[in-house]
Amino acid sequence: MKTFEVLRTSPVKRLRSLLTSGNLWLYILSLIRINKRIYAYKLDEKIEEEYLFKPNKVMIYVVLYKLENEKLIKSEFEGRRKYYTTTKKGIETLEFAKEYFKILSDKL
């Protein structure tokens, strides 16, 4: 089967959805950590540049809200803009998730 045909199968579509939009928190947390702090408005474009999919802006804000409630990130205003930074707990959670993906990948 050719690569482009495999990409169109239902299982691969579900996998892609779950690994992208379904786990948006991973990409957001990673970008915040890499950039030290980030302004949410441009996150959709940054995710598209780095991870090759463009999430819905509303979903980004929902995930940011959840991450902040779980104390994985914190926010502060600078003028009218709200910037996000990772917390120690957020970095630890991201590192655990990365290790978990490595373990799963090795088992596949």
Protein backbone atom coordinates (compact mmCIF):
# COMPACT_ATOMS: atom_id res chain seq x y z
CA MET A 1 0.00 0.00 0.00
CA LYS A 2 1.36 3.43 -0.88
CA THR A 3 2.03 5.94 1.88
CA PHE A 4 -0.72 8.38 0.88
CA GLU A 5 -3.26 5.52 0.86
CA VAL A 6 -2.25 4.48 4.37
CA LEU A 7 -2.72 8.06 5.58
CA ARG A 8 -6.36 7.94 4.50
CA THR A 9 -7.33 4.80 6.40
CA SER A 10 -9.70 5.25 9.34
CA PRO A 11 -7.31 3.89 11.98
CA VAL A 12 -4.54 6.26 10.87
CA LYS A 13 -6.97 9.20 10.83
CA ARG A 14 -8.06 8.36 14.39
CA LEU A 15 -4.46 7.98 15.49
CA ARG A 16 -3.51 11.33 13.99
CA SER A 17 -6.48 13.02 15.64
CA LEU A 18 -5.69 11.54 19.04
CA LEU A 19 -2.00 12.37 18.78
CA THR A 20 -2.62 15.95 17.67
CA SER A 21 -5.82 17.65 18.80
CA GLY A 22 -6.61 14.90 21.31
CA ASN A 23 -3.41 15.68 23.20
CA LEU A 24 -3.11 19.38 22.55
CA TRP A 25 -1.80 19.93 26.07
CA LEU A 26 1.50 18.24 25.11
CA TYR A 27 2.19 20.66 22.29
CA ILE A 28 1.15 23.73 24.25
CA LEU A 29 3.18 22.78 27.29
CA SER A 30 6.18 21.97 25.12
CA LEU A 31 6.06 25.30 23.28
CA ILE A 32 5.73 27.24 26.51
CA ARG A 33 8.73 25.41 27.96
CA ILE A 34 10.84 25.92 24.83
CA ASN A 35 9.98 29.63 24.54
CA LYS A 36 10.16 30.29 28.32
CA ARG A 37 6.89 32.19 28.08
CA ILE A 38 4.27 32.56 25.40
CA TYR A 39 1.37 34.76 24.36
CA ALA A 40 -1.65 32.56 23.64
CA TYR A 41 -3.00 34.38 20.60
CA LYS A 42 -0.30 33.06 18.26
CA LEU A 43 -0.15 29.53 19.67
CA ASP A 44 -2.19 28.04 16.81
CA GLU A 45 0.35 29.32 14.28
CA LYS A 46 3.31 28.14 16.36
CA ILE A 47 1.77 24.67 16.70
CA GLU A 48 1.20 24.53 12.95
CA GLU A 49 4.83 25.54 12.27
CA GLU A 50 6.34 23.07 14.73
CA TYR A 51 3.92 20.13 14.77
CA LEU A 52 2.18 20.36 11.36
CA PHE A 53 -1.43 20.75 12.45
CA LYS A 54 -3.46 23.83 13.29
CA PRO A 55 -5.74 23.54 16.30
CA ASN A 56 -8.83 25.62 16.91
CA LYS A 57 -8.13 28.81 18.90
CA VAL A 58 -11.00 28.09 21.28
CA MET A 59 -9.53 24.68 22.10
CA ILE A 60 -6.18 26.30 22.83
CA TYR A 61 -7.78 28.58 25.41
CA VAL A 62 -9.72 25.67 26.94
CA VAL A 63 -6.48 23.67 27.29
CA LEU A 64 -4.62 26.69 28.72
CA TYR A 65 -7.36 27.11 31.31
CA LYS A 66 -7.12 23.43 32.29
CA LEU A 67 -3.32 23.48 32.43
CA GLU A 68 -3.43 26.51 34.69
CA ASN A 69 -6.05 24.93 36.95
CA GLU A 70 -3.84 21.84 37.25
CA LYS A 71 -0.88 24.10 38.16
CA LEU A 72 1.15 22.95 35.12
CA ILE A 73 1.44 26.53 33.87
CA LYS A 74 0.96 29.97 35.36
CA SER A 75 0.00 33.24 33.77
CA GLU A 76 0.74 36.90 34.23
CA PHE A 77 -0.44 40.00 32.50
CA GLU A 78 1.92 42.38 30.81
CA GLY A 79 -0.23 45.31 29.86
CA ARG A 80 -3.29 43.81 28.19
CA ARG A 81 -1.52 40.61 27.14
CA LYS A 82 -1.52 37.44 29.18
CA TYR A 83 1.68 35.39 29.05
CA TYR A 84 2.07 31.79 30.14
CA THR A 85 5.08 30.06 31.69
CA THR A 86 5.59 26.48 32.81
CA THR A 87 5.79 25.45 36.42
CA LYS A 88 8.07 22.80 37.86
CA LYS A 89 5.10 20.45 37.95
CA GLY A 90 4.41 21.23 34.27
CA ILE A 91 7.97 20.43 33.22
CA GLU A 92 7.93 17.19 35.21
CA THR A 93 4.60 16.20 33.64
CA LEU A 94 5.90 16.94 30.14
CA GLU A 95 9.06 14.91 30.74
CA PHE A 96 7.00 11.98 32.00
CA ALA A 97 4.76 12.15 28.92
CA LYS A 98 7.80 12.18 26.62
CA GLU A 99 9.27 9.15 28.38
CA TYR A 100 5.92 7.36 28.19
CA PHE A 101 5.77 7.94 24.42
CA LYS A 102 9.30 6.57 24.04
CA ILE A 103 8.36 3.42 25.93
CA LEU A 104 5.21 2.96 23.83
CA SER A 105 7.09 3.57 20.62
CA ASP A 106 9.70 0.99 21.50
CA LYS A 107 6.97 -1.58 22.22
CA LEU A 108 5.26 -1.03 18.86
